[in-house]
Amino acid sequence: MCEAERKKPRLIGFDLDYTLWPFFVDCQYRIPFTMSQGGDVVDSRNRRAAPYPEVSEVLRHLQEEGYVLAVASRTRGVEGANQLLSLYGWDQHFTYKEIYSGSKIAHFQSIKRKSGLEFSEMLFFDDEEGNRRDLASIGVLQVMVRGGVTRELVTNGLKLYAK
């Protein structure tokens, strides 16, 4: 089967902590986040807060390919997460943002309601195994992330979804 004929998700979602960036936003940094004169994102103690290296390119590419992108993150650090999404320039990529404490099921129920898409049309990247079981129960396919989102991981996730 050629690439164009493969089954593709209509929406691709991402967790934040240890998925798009290598830290817990709500306990390892102090808000507010700002852009330093040197162009780095830093917290209130001037500690650099960098995302995983391939994430910006991956998000840009997926959006260019026509995928609808979403964030679904369980965190108490809502303000910090939103600041980082803006400072990294990623806000433009995400149509849906569900960032709050609670279950991933609640996040995806909200995305489903807002988007009109079925759970089976969604692919999700996350580093937490427990979320995979929860999401499988509603029909969302989760790809496990170890060491951050990369081009290779997303390509493999899309292949897995196509099966």
N, C-alpha and C. Protein backbone atom coordinates (compact mmCIF):
# COMPACT_ATOMS: atom_id res chain seq x y z
N MET A 1 0.85 -1.17 0.00
CA MET A 1 0.00 0.00 0.00
C MET A 1 0.90 1.23 0.00
N CYS A 2 0.61 2.18 -0.86
CA CYS A 2 1.44 3.39 -0.91
C CYS A 2 1.05 4.32 0.24
N GLU A 3 1.94 5.28 0.53
CA GLU A 3 1.75 6.20 1.66
C GLU A 3 0.41 6.93 1.59
N ALA A 4 0.02 7.37 0.41
CA ALA A 4 -1.22 8.16 0.26
C ALA A 4 -2.47 7.35 0.59
N GLU A 5 -2.39 6.02 0.49
CA GLU A 5 -3.55 5.18 0.75
C GLU A 5 -3.66 4.73 2.20
N ARG A 6 -2.65 5.01 3.00
CA ARG A 6 -2.66 4.59 4.40
C ARG A 6 -3.72 5.33 5.19
N LYS A 7 -4.28 4.63 6.16
CA LYS A 7 -5.22 5.24 7.09
C LYS A 7 -4.45 6.23 7.96
N LYS A 8 -4.99 7.45 8.08
CA LYS A 8 -4.33 8.49 8.86
C LYS A 8 -5.26 9.00 9.93
N PRO A 9 -4.69 9.38 11.07
CA PRO A 9 -5.54 10.00 12.09
C PRO A 9 -5.97 11.38 11.62
N ARG A 10 -7.09 11.83 12.08
CA ARG A 10 -7.54 13.19 11.75
C ARG A 10 -7.04 14.19 12.77
N LEU A 11 -6.68 13.68 13.97
CA LEU A 11 -6.17 14.54 15.03
C LEU A 11 -5.01 13.84 15.71
N ILE A 12 -3.95 14.60 15.97
CA ILE A 12 -2.80 14.08 16.70
C ILE A 12 -2.63 14.93 17.95
N GLY A 13 -2.61 14.26 19.10
CA GLY A 13 -2.48 14.95 20.37
C GLY A 13 -1.15 14.65 21.03
N PHE A 14 -0.76 15.57 21.89
CA PHE A 14 0.51 15.44 22.62
C PHE A 14 0.31 15.82 24.08
N ASP A 15 0.93 15.03 24.95
CA ASP A 15 1.12 15.41 26.33
C ASP A 15 2.24 16.45 26.34
N LEU A 16 2.50 17.09 27.45
CA LEU A 16 3.55 18.09 27.54
C LEU A 16 4.78 17.58 28.31
N ASP A 17 4.63 17.36 29.61
CA ASP A 17 5.76 16.99 30.44
C ASP A 17 6.37 15.66 30.01
N TYR A 18 7.67 15.68 29.78
CA TYR A 18 8.45 14.51 29.34
C TYR A 18 7.95 13.92 28.03
N THR A 19 7.25 14.76 27.26
CA THR A 19 6.81 14.39 25.92
C THR A 19 7.27 15.46 24.93
N LEU A 20 6.89 16.72 25.17
CA LEU A 20 7.38 17.82 24.34
C LEU A 20 8.54 18.56 24.99
N TRP A 21 8.61 18.49 26.33
CA TRP A 21 9.76 19.07 27.03
C TRP A 21 10.19 18.12 28.15
N PRO A 22 11.49 18.19 28.53
CA PRO A 22 12.06 17.20 29.46
C PRO A 22 11.98 17.61 30.94
N PHE A 23 10.80 17.98 31.40
CA PHE A 23 10.63 18.38 32.79
C PHE A 23 9.14 18.44 33.12
N PHE A 24 8.87 18.52 34.45
CA PHE A 24 7.52 18.78 34.93
C PHE A 24 7.38 20.28 35.11
N VAL A 25 6.52 20.88 34.34
CA VAL A 25 6.37 22.34 34.37
C VAL A 25 5.90 22.84 35.74
N ASP A 26 5.15 22.02 36.45
CA ASP A 26 4.55 22.49 37.70
C ASP A 26 5.43 22.30 38.93
N CYS A 27 6.59 21.65 38.81
CA CYS A 27 7.40 21.47 40.02
C CYS A 27 8.89 21.68 39.82
N GLN A 28 9.37 21.77 38.61
CA GLN A 28 10.80 21.93 38.41
C GLN A 28 11.20 23.36 38.05
N TYR A 29 10.22 24.21 37.74
CA TYR A 29 10.49 25.60 37.36
C TYR A 29 9.53 26.51 38.09
N ARG A 30 9.89 27.79 38.11
CA ARG A 30 9.02 28.80 38.72
C ARG A 30 8.59 29.81 37.67
N ILE A 31 7.27 30.04 37.60
CA ILE A 31 6.75 31.03 36.66
C ILE A 31 7.03 32.42 37.21
N PRO A 32 7.03 33.42 36.37
CA PRO A 32 6.71 33.36 34.94
C PRO A 32 7.92 32.94 34.10
N PHE A 33 7.61 32.39 32.94
CA PHE A 33 8.63 32.13 31.94
C PHE A 33 8.72 33.36 31.05
N THR A 34 9.92 33.66 30.61
CA THR A 34 10.14 34.79 29.71
C THR A 34 11.23 34.42 28.71
N MET A 35 11.40 35.28 27.73
CA MET A 35 12.46 35.10 26.74
C MET A 35 13.65 35.94 27.21
N SER A 36 14.81 35.31 27.34
CA SER A 36 16.01 36.05 27.75
C SER A 36 16.53 36.87 26.58
N GLN A 37 17.44 37.79 26.86
CA GLN A 37 18.04 38.59 25.80
C GLN A 37 18.79 37.72 24.82
N GLY A 38 19.27 36.59 25.28
CA GLY A 38 19.98 35.66 24.41
C GLY A 38 19.07 34.77 23.58
N GLY A 39 17.75 34.88 23.79
CA GLY A 39 16.80 34.10 23.00
C GLY A 39 16.39 32.79 23.62
N ASP A 40 16.80 32.52 24.86
CA ASP A 40 16.40 31.31 25.55
C ASP A 40 15.14 31.56 26.37
N VAL A 41 14.33 30.53 26.55
CA VAL A 41 13.20 30.62 27.46
C VAL A 41 13.74 30.31 28.85
N VAL A 42 13.44 31.20 29.80
CA VAL A 42 13.94 31.03 31.17
C VAL A 42 12.80 31.23 32.16
N ASP A 43 12.97 30.65 33.35
CA ASP A 43 11.97 30.85 34.40
C ASP A 43 12.35 32.06 35.24
N SER A 44 11.61 32.28 36.34
CA SER A 44 11.82 33.48 37.17
C SER A 44 13.18 33.48 37.87
N ARG A 45 13.83 32.31 37.94
CA ARG A 45 15.18 32.23 38.53
C ARG A 45 16.26 32.25 37.46
N ASN A 46 15.85 32.55 36.23
CA ASN A 46 16.75 32.61 35.07
C ASN A 46 17.31 31.23 34.70
N ARG A 47 16.57 30.17 35.00
CA ARG A 47 16.95 28.81 34.61
C ARG A 47 16.38 28.52 33.24
N ARG A 48 17.22 28.06 32.34
CA ARG A 48 16.81 27.76 30.96
C ARG A 48 15.82 26.60 30.94
N ALA A 49 14.76 26.75 30.15
CA ALA A 49 13.72 25.72 30.01
C ALA A 49 13.57 25.40 28.52
N ALA A 50 14.33 24.43 28.06
CA ALA A 50 14.35 24.09 26.63
C ALA A 50 13.50 22.86 26.35
N PRO A 51 12.82 22.86 25.20
CA PRO A 51 12.05 21.67 24.81
C PRO A 51 12.99 20.60 24.24
N TYR A 52 12.42 19.43 23.95
CA TYR A 52 13.19 18.42 23.22
C TYR A 52 13.54 18.99 21.85
N PRO A 53 14.71 18.65 21.33
CA PRO A 53 15.23 19.34 20.14
C PRO A 53 14.43 19.23 18.85
N GLU A 54 13.70 18.15 18.61
CA GLU A 54 13.02 17.98 17.33
C GLU A 54 11.55 18.41 17.34
N VAL A 55 11.05 18.83 18.48
CA VAL A 55 9.62 19.08 18.63
C VAL A 55 9.11 20.19 17.70
N SER A 56 9.79 21.32 17.66
CA SER A 56 9.30 22.43 16.82
C SER A 56 9.16 22.00 15.37
N GLU A 57 10.15 21.29 14.86
CA GLU A 57 10.10 20.82 13.47
C GLU A 57 8.98 19.81 13.27
N VAL A 58 8.80 18.90 14.21
CA VAL A 58 7.74 17.89 14.11
C VAL A 58 6.37 18.56 14.06
N LEU A 59 6.12 19.50 14.95
CA LEU A 59 4.81 20.18 14.99
C LEU A 59 4.56 20.94 13.70
N ARG A 60 5.57 21.66 13.23
CA ARG A 60 5.43 22.43 11.99
C ARG A 60 5.11 21.50 10.82
N HIS A 61 5.83 20.41 10.73
CA HIS A 61 5.64 19.45 9.63
C HIS A 61 4.23 18.83 9.68
N LEU A 62 3.79 18.41 10.86
CA LEU A 62 2.46 17.80 10.97
C LEU A 62 1.37 18.79 10.58
N GLN A 63 1.51 20.03 11.00
CA GLN A 63 0.51 21.03 10.63
C GLN A 63 0.53 21.26 9.12
N GLU A 64 1.70 21.33 8.53
CA GLU A 64 1.81 21.50 7.07
C GLU A 64 1.19 20.33 6.32
N GLU A 65 1.25 19.15 6.92
CA GLU A 65 0.66 17.96 6.31
C GLU A 65 -0.86 17.92 6.47
N GLY A 66 -1.41 18.88 7.20
CA GLY A 66 -2.86 18.97 7.33
C GLY A 66 -3.46 18.32 8.55
N TYR A 67 -2.62 17.86 9.47
CA TYR A 67 -3.15 17.25 10.69
C TYR A 67 -3.66 18.33 11.64
N VAL A 68 -4.75 18.03 12.33
CA VAL A 68 -5.23 18.86 13.42
C VAL A 68 -4.45 18.42 14.66
N LEU A 69 -3.89 19.39 15.38
CA LEU A 69 -3.05 19.07 16.54
C LEU A 69 -3.71 19.54 17.83
N ALA A 70 -3.46 18.77 18.90
CA ALA A 70 -4.03 19.09 20.20
C ALA A 70 -3.01 18.82 21.30
N VAL A 71 -3.21 19.48 22.43
CA VAL A 71 -2.46 19.22 23.66
C VAL A 71 -3.45 18.68 24.67
N ALA A 72 -3.06 17.62 25.36
CA ALA A 72 -3.85 17.09 26.47
C ALA A 72 -2.87 16.80 27.60
N SER A 73 -2.88 17.65 28.61
CA SER A 73 -1.90 17.55 29.68
C SER A 73 -2.56 17.65 31.04
N ARG A 74 -2.22 16.70 31.91
CA ARG A 74 -2.68 16.74 33.31
C ARG A 74 -1.60 17.45 34.11
N THR A 75 -1.86 18.67 34.49
CA THR A 75 -0.88 19.42 35.26
C THR A 75 -1.56 20.46 36.13
N ARG A 76 -0.92 20.78 37.23
CA ARG A 76 -1.36 21.92 38.03
C ARG A 76 -0.68 23.19 37.53
N GLY A 77 0.29 23.07 36.64
CA GLY A 77 1.04 24.20 36.12
C GLY A 77 0.46 24.76 34.84
N VAL A 78 -0.84 25.03 34.83
CA VAL A 78 -1.54 25.48 33.63
C VAL A 78 -0.94 26.78 33.08
N GLU A 79 -0.73 27.75 33.95
CA GLU A 79 -0.20 29.04 33.51
C GLU A 79 1.19 28.88 32.90
N GLY A 80 2.05 28.13 33.57
CA GLY A 80 3.40 27.91 33.03
C GLY A 80 3.38 27.16 31.71
N ALA A 81 2.52 26.15 31.60
CA ALA A 81 2.43 25.39 30.35
C ALA A 81 2.00 26.29 29.20
N ASN A 82 1.01 27.14 29.45
CA ASN A 82 0.56 28.06 28.40
C ASN A 82 1.63 29.08 28.04
N GLN A 83 2.38 29.55 29.04
CA GLN A 83 3.48 30.47 28.76
C GLN A 83 4.52 29.81 27.87
N LEU A 84 4.86 28.57 28.17
CA LEU A 84 5.87 27.86 27.36
C LEU A 84 5.37 27.64 25.94
N LEU A 85 4.13 27.23 25.78
CA LEU A 85 3.59 27.02 24.43
C LEU A 85 3.69 28.30 23.61
N SER A 86 3.43 29.42 24.24
CA SER A 86 3.53 30.70 23.55
C SER A 86 4.98 31.07 23.25
N LEU A 87 5.85 30.97 24.25
CA LEU A 87 7.25 31.37 24.07
C LEU A 87 7.99 30.48 23.08
N TYR A 88 7.65 29.21 23.02
CA TYR A 88 8.27 28.30 22.04
C TYR A 88 7.70 28.53 20.63
N GLY A 89 6.64 29.30 20.52
CA GLY A 89 6.01 29.55 19.23
C GLY A 89 5.12 28.41 18.77
N TRP A 90 4.63 27.62 19.71
CA TRP A 90 3.85 26.44 19.36
C TRP A 90 2.34 26.68 19.39
N ASP A 91 1.89 27.77 20.00
CA ASP A 91 0.46 28.04 20.06
C ASP A 91 -0.20 27.95 18.69
N GLN A 92 0.49 28.43 17.68
CA GLN A 92 -0.06 28.45 16.33
C GLN A 92 -0.35 27.07 15.78
N HIS A 93 0.26 26.05 16.33
CA HIS A 93 0.09 24.69 15.82
C HIS A 93 -1.11 23.96 16.42
N PHE A 94 -1.54 24.37 17.62
CA PHE A 94 -2.55 23.60 18.34
C PHE A 94 -3.94 24.20 18.20
N THR A 95 -4.85 23.41 17.66
CA THR A 95 -6.25 23.81 17.54
C THR A 95 -6.97 23.64 18.87
N TYR A 96 -6.60 22.60 19.62
CA TYR A 96 -7.25 22.30 20.89
C TYR A 96 -6.19 22.20 21.98
N LYS A 97 -6.49 22.81 23.12
CA LYS A 97 -5.59 22.74 24.28
C LYS A 97 -6.43 22.40 25.51
N GLU A 98 -6.18 21.23 26.05
CA GLU A 98 -6.82 20.77 27.28
C GLU A 98 -5.71 20.58 28.30
N ILE A 99 -5.51 21.61 29.12
CA ILE A 99 -4.40 21.62 30.08
C ILE A 99 -4.98 21.91 31.45
N TYR A 100 -5.12 20.85 32.26
CA TYR A 100 -5.67 20.98 33.61
C TYR A 100 -5.56 19.63 34.29
N SER A 101 -5.69 19.64 35.63
CA SER A 101 -5.67 18.38 36.38
C SER A 101 -6.88 17.56 36.00
N GLY A 102 -6.77 16.27 36.15
CA GLY A 102 -7.88 15.38 35.83
C GLY A 102 -7.41 14.27 34.90
N SER A 103 -8.35 13.49 34.44
CA SER A 103 -8.00 12.33 33.63
C SER A 103 -7.85 12.68 32.15
N LYS A 104 -7.05 11.88 31.47
CA LYS A 104 -6.91 12.06 30.02
C LYS A 104 -8.23 11.76 29.32
N ILE A 105 -9.04 10.91 29.92
CA ILE A 105 -10.35 10.64 29.33
C ILE A 105 -11.15 11.93 29.26
N ALA A 106 -11.13 12.73 30.33
CA ALA A 106 -11.85 14.01 30.33
C ALA A 106 -11.29 14.95 29.27
N HIS A 107 -9.97 14.97 29.13
CA HIS A 107 -9.35 15.81 28.10
C HIS A 107 -9.87 15.41 26.72
N PHE A 108 -9.88 14.11 26.44
CA PHE A 108 -10.28 13.66 25.11
C PHE A 108 -11.78 13.74 24.89
N GLN A 109 -12.56 13.62 25.92
CA GLN A 109 -14.00 13.84 25.76
C GLN A 109 -14.26 15.29 25.35
N SER A 110 -13.52 16.21 25.93
CA SER A 110 -13.66 17.62 25.56
C SER A 110 -13.20 17.87 24.13
N ILE A 111 -12.09 17.26 23.75
CA ILE A 111 -11.60 17.41 22.37
C ILE A 111 -12.61 16.83 21.39
N LYS A 112 -13.17 15.68 21.72
CA LYS A 112 -14.17 15.06 20.85
C LYS A 112 -15.38 15.97 20.68
N ARG A 113 -15.85 16.52 21.79
CA ARG A 113 -17.02 17.40 21.75
C ARG A 113 -16.74 18.65 20.90
N LYS A 114 -15.58 19.24 21.08
CA LYS A 114 -15.23 20.48 20.36
C LYS A 114 -14.94 20.23 18.88
N SER A 115 -14.31 19.09 18.59
CA SER A 115 -13.86 18.82 17.21
C SER A 115 -14.90 18.09 16.36
N GLY A 116 -15.77 17.33 17.01
CA GLY A 116 -16.71 16.50 16.27
C GLY A 116 -16.09 15.22 15.75
N LEU A 117 -14.85 14.96 16.14
CA LEU A 117 -14.15 13.75 15.69
C LEU A 117 -14.42 12.60 16.65
N GLU A 118 -14.29 11.39 16.14
CA GLU A 118 -14.42 10.20 16.97
C GLU A 118 -13.08 9.89 17.64
N PHE A 119 -13.12 9.21 18.77
CA PHE A 119 -11.89 8.81 19.45
C PHE A 119 -10.99 7.98 18.55
N SER A 120 -11.61 7.15 17.72
CA SER A 120 -10.85 6.27 16.82
C SER A 120 -10.09 7.04 15.74
N GLU A 121 -10.38 8.32 15.59
CA GLU A 121 -9.69 9.16 14.59
C GLU A 121 -8.53 9.94 15.21
N MET A 122 -8.21 9.60 16.48
CA MET A 122 -7.19 10.35 17.22
C MET A 122 -5.99 9.48 17.55
N LEU A 123 -4.82 10.09 17.49
CA LEU A 123 -3.55 9.46 17.86
C LEU A 123 -2.93 10.35 18.92
N PHE A 124 -2.37 9.75 19.97
CA PHE A 124 -1.85 10.52 21.10
C PHE A 124 -0.47 10.06 21.50
N PHE A 125 0.41 11.02 21.75
CA PHE A 125 1.78 10.74 22.19
C PHE A 125 1.93 11.17 23.64
N ASP A 126 2.34 10.21 24.51
CA ASP A 126 2.43 10.48 25.95
C ASP A 126 3.47 9.54 26.55
N ASP A 127 4.04 9.96 27.67
CA ASP A 127 5.07 9.16 28.34
C ASP A 127 4.53 8.30 29.48
N GLU A 128 3.25 8.38 29.78
CA GLU A 128 2.70 7.66 30.93
C GLU A 128 1.91 6.43 30.51
N GLU A 129 2.36 5.29 30.99
CA GLU A 129 1.73 4.00 30.65
C GLU A 129 0.27 3.94 31.11
N GLY A 130 -0.04 4.45 32.28
CA GLY A 130 -1.41 4.40 32.79
C GLY A 130 -2.41 5.09 31.88
N ASN A 131 -1.97 6.14 31.22
CA ASN A 131 -2.85 6.84 30.29
C ASN A 131 -3.19 5.97 29.08
N ARG A 132 -2.27 5.11 28.69
CA ARG A 132 -2.52 4.25 27.54
C ARG A 132 -3.72 3.33 27.81
N ARG A 133 -3.75 2.76 29.00
CA ARG A 133 -4.89 1.87 29.35
C ARG A 133 -6.19 2.66 29.37
N ASP A 134 -6.16 3.85 29.98
CA ASP A 134 -7.38 4.67 30.04
C ASP A 134 -7.87 5.03 28.64
N LEU A 135 -6.95 5.49 27.81
CA LEU A 135 -7.35 5.93 26.47
C LEU A 135 -7.77 4.77 25.57
N ALA A 136 -7.12 3.63 25.75
CA ALA A 136 -7.53 2.45 24.97
C ALA A 136 -8.98 2.09 25.26
N SER A 137 -9.42 2.34 26.49
CA SER A 137 -10.79 2.00 26.86
C SER A 137 -11.83 2.84 26.11
N ILE A 138 -11.41 4.01 25.59
CA ILE A 138 -12.34 4.82 24.81
C ILE A 138 -12.01 4.82 23.32
N GLY A 139 -10.91 4.15 22.94
CA GLY A 139 -10.59 4.01 21.52
C GLY A 139 -9.55 4.97 20.97
N VAL A 140 -8.81 5.67 21.85
CA VAL A 140 -7.72 6.53 21.38
C VAL A 140 -6.43 5.73 21.42
N LEU A 141 -5.71 5.70 20.31
CA LEU A 141 -4.43 5.00 20.24
C LEU A 141 -3.33 5.90 20.80
N GLN A 142 -2.60 5.38 21.79
CA GLN A 142 -1.49 6.13 22.39
C GLN A 142 -0.17 5.50 22.01
N VAL A 143 0.77 6.35 21.62
CA VAL A 143 2.14 5.93 21.37
C VAL A 143 2.97 6.34 22.57
N MET A 144 3.72 5.40 23.12
CA MET A 144 4.57 5.69 24.27
C MET A 144 5.78 6.51 23.85
N VAL A 145 6.08 7.52 24.64
CA VAL A 145 7.20 8.41 24.39
C VAL A 145 8.27 8.15 25.44
N ARG A 146 9.47 7.92 25.00
CA ARG A 146 10.63 7.77 25.89
C ARG A 146 11.71 8.69 25.35
N GLY A 147 12.05 9.71 26.08
CA GLY A 147 13.10 10.61 25.64
C GLY A 147 12.63 11.70 24.70
N GLY A 148 11.35 11.97 24.68
CA GLY A 148 10.82 13.08 23.91
C GLY A 148 10.34 12.72 22.52
N VAL A 149 9.49 13.58 21.98
CA VAL A 149 8.95 13.40 20.63
C VAL A 149 10.05 13.68 19.61
N THR A 150 10.16 12.76 18.64
CA THR A 150 11.13 12.89 17.55
C THR A 150 10.42 12.61 16.23
N ARG A 151 11.07 12.97 15.14
CA ARG A 151 10.52 12.66 13.81
C ARG A 151 10.30 11.16 13.67
N GLU A 152 11.28 10.37 14.08
CA GLU A 152 11.19 8.92 13.96
C GLU A 152 10.02 8.35 14.76
N LEU A 153 9.84 8.84 15.97
CA LEU A 153 8.74 8.36 16.82
C LEU A 153 7.39 8.68 16.18
N VAL A 154 7.24 9.88 15.66
CA VAL A 154 5.97 10.26 15.03
C VAL A 154 5.73 9.43 13.76
N THR A 155 6.76 9.23 12.96
CA THR A 155 6.63 8.39 11.77
C THR A 155 6.18 6.99 12.15
N ASN A 156 6.81 6.43 13.19
CA ASN A 156 6.43 5.09 13.64
C ASN A 156 5.01 5.07 14.20
N GLY A 157 4.62 6.13 14.91
CA GLY A 157 3.25 6.24 15.41
C GLY A 157 2.22 6.27 14.31
N LEU A 158 2.53 7.01 13.25
CA LEU A 158 1.62 7.07 12.10
C LEU A 158 1.51 5.71 11.40
N LYS A 159 2.61 5.00 11.34
CA LYS A 159 2.58 3.64 10.76
C LYS A 159 1.75 2.71 11.63
N LEU A 160 1.89 2.82 12.93
CA LEU A 160 1.11 1.99 13.85
C LEU A 160 -0.38 2.29 13.69
N TYR A 161 -0.73 3.55 13.60
CA TYR A 161 -2.12 3.95 13.41
C TYR A 161 -2.67 3.39 12.11
N ALA A 162 -1.86 3.39 11.07
CA ALA A 162 -2.30 2.92 9.75
C ALA A 162 -2.65 1.43 9.76
N LYS A 163 -2.07 0.68 10.68
CA LYS A 163 -2.36 -0.75 10.77
C LYS A 163 -3.71 -0.95 11.39
